[in-house]
Amino acid sequence: MNVSKEQALWFYRCMQEQREFELKAYELFRSGKMPGFIHLYVGEEAVAAGVTAHLRKDDYVTSTHRGHGHELAKGIPPREALAELMGTEGGCNGGRGGSMHLYKPEIGFLGTNGVVGAGIPIAAGAALSAKLQGTDRVAVAFLGDGAVNSGNFHEALNMAAAWDLPLVAVCENNMYATETPFTVATKNTHVATRGAAYGMPGVEVDGDDVQAVYEKAGEAIARARRGEGPTLLECLTYRWFGHHVGDPGTSYRPKDEIAAWKARDPVAKLRQQVLDEKIAEPHEFEAIDAEVRKLIDEAADFSLRSPQPKAETALDHVYSR
């Protein structure tokens, strides 16, 4: 591996935190204790970890309906995130937003978003703000393959390229938009090649290899910080669950396809590679596993104990009046 032991273990902790968080959210939702609707990120953890490892607190991120991994990797504490999913006042938005409106501007997280592709122009706007203020901040827009045929995608990337904005558009290509295979939705399934149409680099990477994502994202983010404009980064990955909790995901995806992608588990892959290369010892991973389980269990306990928002706080968490 071309990263230090400290970086490798950070990757593992970040990815394992996402995995355990999602499994706990799945448990709470299926038990009837969690309101609303959730889309799980299990299987795609390497993308969030590899990209956000290069971001500072003051850099910007916009996310999608499948955004729990992004918010955790950017720095929202699991207890605030899980309480928000539970709709309680301990959440990062006081229980107002739920899964699709997680938001914490203090750390540059400009929200998950229930509208496909809607986060891309928001990130472009944040990138424009960073440029106009003369800073070296970078904006990252996470998006799915279902967003690349939207007007938002085209308009935001065109503007970012024309104005050399510090934007990195990260497409998590998991091959399906709800139940629609990407091969049915578009003729050109190689998202990275679309960068050429806007005059920006388009880079394809194995989204289940956190080191590969880290390297390519690092190049794109460094380029943006230098004022050299945007990059389109396509990460090939796969969601293990259906589109949302309640969708088995098996009626439109072959079972052997699901099994093949699960065998590429990015968390297990990283752990095995680190052990094979003797970069770290098994007990170090076991310690991280125990710490993460404790963190997520405490987050669940906090979210279950946190009270419902009070009526008199209805105007709290309103950022513009």
Protein backbone atom coordinates (compact mmCIF):
# COMPACT_ATOMS: atom_id res chain seq x y z
CA MET A 1 0.00 0.00 0.00
CA ASN A 2 1.15 3.53 -0.70
CA VAL A 3 -0.24 5.00 2.51
CA SER A 4 1.03 5.07 6.08
CA LYS A 5 -0.18 2.78 8.82
CA GLU A 6 -2.01 5.70 10.43
CA GLN A 7 -3.82 6.50 7.18
CA ALA A 8 -4.73 2.86 6.56
CA LEU A 9 -6.21 2.50 10.05
CA TRP A 10 -8.08 5.81 9.63
CA PHE A 11 -9.61 4.45 6.43
CA TYR A 12 -10.67 1.31 8.24
CA ARG A 13 -12.19 3.16 11.18
CA CYS A 14 -14.06 5.57 8.89
CA MET A 15 -15.46 2.74 6.77
CA GLN A 16 -16.32 0.53 9.73
CA GLU A 17 -18.12 3.43 11.41
CA GLN A 18 -20.24 3.88 8.30
CA ARG A 19 -20.97 0.15 8.10
CA GLU A 20 -21.96 -0.23 11.75
CA PHE A 21 -24.03 2.96 11.65
CA GLU A 22 -26.03 1.72 8.68
CA LEU A 23 -26.61 -1.70 10.20
CA LYS A 24 -27.84 -0.06 13.42
CA ALA A 25 -30.12 2.26 11.42
CA TYR A 26 -31.45 -0.78 9.56
CA GLU A 27 -32.14 -2.52 12.88
CA LEU A 28 -33.97 0.49 14.35
CA PHE A 29 -35.99 1.06 11.20
CA ARG A 30 -37.07 -2.55 10.88
CA SER A 31 -38.05 -2.63 14.56
CA GLY A 32 -40.52 0.23 13.95
CA LYS A 33 -38.67 2.67 16.19
CA MET A 34 -37.45 4.94 13.39
CA PRO A 35 -39.88 7.10 11.38
CA GLY A 36 -39.55 8.15 7.79
CA PHE A 37 -37.57 6.46 5.06
CA ILE A 38 -33.90 5.45 4.73
CA HIS A 39 -31.55 4.45 1.92
CA LEU A 40 -28.49 2.53 3.10
CA TYR A 41 -24.90 3.10 1.99
CA VAL A 42 -23.59 -0.38 2.82
CA GLY A 43 -21.03 -1.48 0.23
CA GLU A 44 -20.01 2.01 -0.87
CA GLU A 45 -18.00 3.08 2.19
CA ALA A 46 -14.64 3.31 0.40
CA VAL A 47 -15.85 6.25 -1.70
CA ALA A 48 -16.79 8.46 1.24
CA ALA A 49 -13.61 7.57 3.13
CA GLY A 50 -11.24 7.97 0.20
CA VAL A 51 -12.62 11.34 -0.87
CA THR A 52 -13.18 13.05 2.48
CA ALA A 53 -9.72 12.07 3.72
CA HIS A 54 -8.45 15.03 1.68
CA LEU A 55 -11.02 17.56 2.88
CA ARG A 56 -10.64 20.18 5.56
CA LYS A 57 -13.36 21.20 7.97
CA ASP A 58 -14.05 24.34 5.93
CA ASP A 59 -14.40 22.48 2.62
CA TYR A 60 -17.91 21.87 1.32
CA VAL A 61 -19.81 18.65 0.65
CA THR A 62 -23.25 18.08 -0.83
CA SER A 63 -24.82 14.66 -0.71
CA THR A 64 -27.72 12.55 -1.93
CA HIS A 65 -30.65 10.53 -0.59
CA ARG A 66 -28.03 7.83 0.18
CA GLY A 67 -25.86 10.12 2.23
CA HIS A 68 -25.26 8.71 5.70
CA GLY A 69 -21.72 7.65 4.81
CA HIS A 70 -20.85 11.09 3.48
CA GLU A 71 -22.05 12.92 6.58
CA LEU A 72 -20.20 10.63 8.95
CA ALA A 73 -16.98 10.82 6.93
CA LYS A 74 -17.24 14.64 6.85
CA GLY A 75 -17.51 14.74 10.62
CA ILE A 76 -21.12 14.70 11.85
CA PRO A 77 -21.03 12.66 15.10
CA PRO A 78 -22.95 9.36 14.87
CA ARG A 79 -25.18 10.31 17.82
CA GLU A 80 -26.32 13.52 16.08
CA ALA A 81 -26.84 11.68 12.81
CA LEU A 82 -28.80 8.80 14.30
CA ALA A 83 -30.93 11.09 16.47
CA GLU A 84 -31.77 13.08 13.33
CA LEU A 85 -32.91 9.90 11.61
CA MET A 86 -35.06 9.22 14.68
CA GLY A 87 -36.64 12.68 14.44
CA THR A 88 -35.57 13.72 17.93
CA GLU A 89 -34.20 17.00 19.23
CA GLY A 90 -30.71 15.57 19.72
CA GLY A 91 -30.30 15.37 15.96
CA CYS A 92 -28.00 17.65 13.99
CA ASN A 93 -31.10 19.54 12.79
CA GLY A 94 -33.19 19.07 15.91
CA GLY A 95 -35.14 16.22 14.31
CA ARG A 96 -36.50 18.39 11.49
CA GLY A 97 -34.65 16.90 8.55
CA GLY A 98 -34.44 13.16 8.89
CA SER A 99 -32.38 11.06 6.52
CA MET A 100 -32.79 13.23 3.43
CA HIS A 101 -32.10 16.60 5.05
CA LEU A 102 -29.06 16.04 7.23
CA TYR A 103 -27.21 19.35 7.40
CA LYS A 104 -24.33 20.83 9.38
CA PRO A 105 -22.88 23.99 7.83
CA GLU A 106 -20.36 24.43 10.66
CA ILE A 107 -18.32 21.61 9.12
CA GLY A 108 -19.15 22.38 5.51
CA PHE A 109 -21.78 19.68 5.13
CA LEU A 110 -24.45 21.32 2.98
CA GLY A 111 -26.95 18.54 3.17
CA THR A 112 -28.25 15.24 1.99
CA ASN A 113 -30.93 15.76 -0.63
CA GLY A 114 -34.06 13.91 -1.66
CA VAL A 115 -34.07 15.38 -5.17
CA VAL A 116 -31.86 13.44 -7.58
CA GLY A 117 -29.00 15.64 -8.79
CA ALA A 118 -30.04 18.65 -6.73
CA GLY A 119 -26.85 18.75 -4.68
CA ILE A 120 -24.60 19.31 -7.70
CA PRO A 121 -25.55 22.96 -8.38
CA ILE A 122 -25.47 23.66 -4.64
CA ALA A 123 -21.87 22.45 -4.56
CA ALA A 124 -21.11 24.52 -7.66
CA GLY A 125 -22.51 27.56 -5.87
CA ALA A 126 -20.34 26.83 -2.83
CA ALA A 127 -17.34 26.48 -5.13
CA LEU A 128 -18.16 29.84 -6.74
CA SER A 129 -18.39 31.40 -3.29
CA ALA A 130 -14.98 29.99 -2.35
CA LYS A 131 -13.45 31.40 -5.54
CA LEU A 132 -15.02 34.84 -5.19
CA GLN A 133 -13.78 35.07 -1.60
CA GLY A 134 -10.25 34.23 -2.72
CA THR A 135 -9.97 31.10 -0.57
CA ASP A 136 -8.62 27.69 -1.52
CA ARG A 137 -11.71 25.86 -0.30
CA VAL A 138 -13.01 22.98 -2.39
CA ALA A 139 -16.57 21.75 -2.91
CA VAL A 140 -17.37 18.08 -3.46
CA ALA A 141 -20.71 16.97 -4.89
CA PHE A 142 -21.54 13.31 -4.36
CA LEU A 143 -24.05 11.99 -6.89
CA GLY A 144 -25.35 8.70 -8.21
CA ASP A 145 -25.45 7.36 -11.75
CA GLY A 146 -29.15 8.25 -11.83
CA ALA A 147 -28.22 11.95 -11.65
CA VAL A 148 -25.95 12.14 -14.68
CA ASN A 149 -28.80 12.44 -17.19
CA SER A 150 -30.39 15.33 -15.30
CA GLY A 151 -30.27 18.98 -16.23
CA ASN A 152 -28.69 19.75 -12.86
CA PHE A 153 -25.67 17.63 -13.76
CA HIS A 154 -25.18 19.29 -17.13
CA GLU A 155 -25.75 22.87 -16.02
CA ALA A 156 -23.60 22.65 -12.89
CA LEU A 157 -20.65 20.96 -14.62
CA ASN A 158 -20.84 23.32 -17.57
CA MET A 159 -20.78 26.34 -15.26
CA ALA A 160 -18.00 24.89 -13.10
CA ALA A 161 -15.82 24.26 -16.14
CA ALA A 162 -16.54 27.62 -17.79
CA TRP A 163 -15.60 29.48 -14.60
CA ASP A 164 -12.81 27.13 -13.42
CA LEU A 165 -14.60 26.49 -10.13
CA PRO A 166 -13.00 24.34 -7.40
CA LEU A 167 -15.59 21.57 -7.74
CA VAL A 168 -15.09 17.80 -7.67
CA ALA A 169 -18.15 15.87 -8.83
CA VAL A 170 -17.97 12.34 -7.43
CA CYS A 171 -20.32 9.92 -9.20
CA GLU A 172 -20.97 6.78 -7.17
CA ASN A 173 -21.94 4.53 -10.07
CA ASN A 174 -23.73 1.61 -8.41
CA MET A 175 -25.35 0.57 -11.70
CA TYR A 176 -28.98 1.17 -10.72
CA ALA A 177 -31.23 4.22 -10.29
CA THR A 178 -33.94 2.80 -8.04
CA GLU A 179 -34.80 -0.29 -10.15
CA THR A 180 -33.58 1.02 -13.51
CA PRO A 181 -30.27 -0.41 -14.75
CA PHE A 182 -27.88 2.29 -15.93
CA THR A 183 -27.52 0.40 -19.21
CA VAL A 184 -31.21 1.07 -19.91
CA ALA A 185 -31.09 4.75 -18.95
CA THR A 186 -28.19 5.82 -21.16
CA LYS A 187 -26.11 4.72 -24.13
CA ASN A 188 -22.81 5.91 -22.67
CA THR A 189 -22.40 4.13 -19.35
CA HIS A 190 -18.85 5.40 -18.80
CA VAL A 191 -19.62 8.50 -16.76
CA ALA A 192 -16.00 9.66 -16.61
CA THR A 193 -15.91 10.15 -20.38
CA ARG A 194 -18.54 12.87 -20.05
CA GLY A 195 -15.95 15.15 -18.52
CA ALA A 196 -14.51 15.77 -21.99
CA ALA A 197 -17.75 17.41 -23.08
CA TYR A 198 -17.17 20.13 -20.48
CA GLY A 199 -13.43 20.45 -20.96
CA MET A 200 -12.59 18.91 -17.59
CA PRO A 201 -10.72 15.74 -16.60
CA GLY A 202 -12.90 12.64 -16.26
CA VAL A 203 -11.42 9.86 -14.14
CA GLU A 204 -12.74 6.34 -13.53
CA VAL A 205 -11.68 4.42 -10.43
CA ASP A 206 -12.53 1.21 -8.56
CA GLY A 207 -14.88 2.54 -5.90
CA ASP A 208 -14.38 -0.52 -3.71
CA ASP A 209 -10.64 0.17 -3.37
CA VAL A 210 -10.24 2.93 -0.81
CA GLN A 211 -6.59 3.55 -1.67
CA ALA A 212 -7.41 3.95 -5.37
CA VAL A 213 -10.22 6.39 -4.53
CA TYR A 214 -7.91 8.26 -2.16
CA GLU A 215 -5.22 8.67 -4.83
CA LYS A 216 -7.51 9.87 -7.62
CA ALA A 217 -9.61 12.07 -5.33
CA GLY A 218 -6.41 13.58 -3.98
CA GLU A 219 -5.31 14.58 -7.47
CA ALA A 220 -8.69 16.12 -8.25
CA ILE A 221 -8.94 18.02 -4.95
CA ALA A 222 -5.37 19.30 -5.20
CA ARG A 223 -6.09 20.50 -8.75
CA ALA A 224 -9.18 22.35 -7.52
CA ARG A 225 -7.24 23.99 -4.67
CA ARG A 226 -4.65 25.25 -7.15
CA GLY A 227 -7.40 27.03 -9.04
CA GLU A 228 -7.21 24.73 -12.06
CA GLY A 229 -10.90 23.92 -12.20
CA PRO A 230 -13.25 20.98 -11.70
CA THR A 231 -12.93 17.22 -12.13
CA LEU A 232 -15.49 14.49 -12.73
CA LEU A 233 -14.58 11.39 -10.72
CA GLU A 234 -16.51 8.17 -11.38
CA CYS A 235 -16.30 5.53 -8.64
CA LEU A 236 -17.54 2.07 -9.67
CA THR A 237 -19.31 0.57 -6.66
CA TYR A 238 -22.45 -1.28 -5.55
CA ARG A 239 -25.14 -0.96 -2.90
CA TRP A 240 -25.66 -4.23 -1.05
CA PHE A 241 -29.24 -3.48 -0.03
CA GLY A 242 -32.16 -2.56 -2.24
CA HIS A 243 -32.87 1.03 -3.19
CA HIS A 244 -34.46 1.66 0.21
CA VAL A 245 -35.16 -0.39 3.31
CA GLY A 246 -38.17 -2.45 2.30
CA ASP A 247 -36.93 -3.06 -1.23
CA PRO A 248 -35.23 -6.49 -1.29
CA GLY A 249 -33.30 -5.45 -4.37
CA THR A 250 -33.51 -8.96 -5.81
CA SER A 251 -36.30 -8.66 -8.37
CA TYR A 252 -34.23 -6.51 -10.73
CA ARG A 253 -30.68 -7.56 -9.80
CA PRO A 254 -29.31 -11.07 -10.46
CA LYS A 255 -28.38 -12.97 -7.31
CA ASP A 256 -24.97 -13.87 -8.69
CA GLU A 257 -24.29 -10.18 -9.38
CA ILE A 258 -25.12 -9.25 -5.78
CA ALA A 259 -22.94 -12.08 -4.46
CA ALA A 260 -20.02 -11.09 -6.68
CA TRP A 261 -20.07 -7.50 -5.47
CA LYS A 262 -20.43 -8.52 -1.82
CA ALA A 263 -17.32 -10.65 -2.26
CA ARG A 264 -15.51 -7.38 -3.06
CA ASP A 265 -16.43 -5.96 0.37
CA PRO A 266 -14.31 -2.77 0.61
CA VAL A 267 -14.00 -2.98 4.41
CA ALA A 268 -12.83 -6.60 4.45
CA LYS A 269 -10.60 -5.96 1.42
CA LEU A 270 -8.74 -3.16 3.15
CA ARG A 271 -8.32 -5.12 6.36
CA GLN A 272 -6.94 -8.16 4.57
CA GLN A 273 -4.54 -6.11 2.47
CA VAL A 274 -3.17 -4.33 5.53
CA LEU A 275 -2.71 -7.64 7.35
CA ASP A 276 -1.14 -9.34 4.33
CA GLU A 277 1.41 -6.54 3.99
CA LYS A 278 2.02 -6.58 7.77
CA ILE A 279 1.26 -2.87 8.06
CA ALA A 280 -0.82 -3.43 11.19
CA GLU A 281 -1.66 -6.28 13.56
CA PRO A 282 -5.01 -8.09 14.02
CA HIS A 283 -5.41 -6.71 17.55
CA GLU A 284 -5.37 -3.16 16.18
CA PHE A 285 -8.37 -3.91 13.98
CA GLU A 286 -10.11 -5.67 16.86
CA ALA A 287 -9.63 -2.58 19.01
CA ILE A 288 -11.12 -0.35 16.31
CA ASP A 289 -14.06 -2.73 15.90
CA ALA A 290 -14.76 -2.60 19.63
CA GLU A 291 -14.49 1.20 19.75
CA VAL A 292 -16.81 1.63 16.77
CA ARG A 293 -19.42 -0.78 18.14
CA LYS A 294 -19.39 1.09 21.44
CA LEU A 295 -19.70 4.43 19.64
CA ILE A 296 -22.67 3.27 17.57
CA ASP A 297 -24.38 1.58 20.52
CA GLU A 298 -24.04 4.81 22.51
CA ALA A 299 -25.42 6.75 19.54
CA ALA A 300 -28.44 4.45 19.40
CA ASP A 301 -29.02 4.81 23.12
CA PHE A 302 -28.75 8.60 22.85
CA SER A 303 -31.16 8.76 19.92
CA LEU A 304 -33.72 6.59 21.71
CA ARG A 305 -33.51 8.69 24.88
CA SER A 306 -33.57 12.04 23.09
CA PRO A 307 -37.02 13.71 23.38
CA GLN A 308 -39.26 14.80 20.54
CA PRO A 309 -38.89 18.47 19.47
CA LYS A 310 -41.09 20.88 21.43
CA ALA A 311 -43.64 23.04 19.63
CA GLU A 312 -42.08 26.27 20.91
CA THR A 313 -38.82 25.40 19.10
CA ALA A 314 -40.49 25.30 15.67
CA LEU A 315 -38.40 28.21 14.35
CA ASP A 316 -35.08 26.82 15.62
CA HIS A 317 -32.72 25.48 12.95
CA VAL A 318 -34.12 27.94 10.42
CA TYR A 319 -30.98 29.37 8.85
CA SER A 320 -32.62 32.18 6.85
CA ARG A 321 -35.64 34.15 8.06
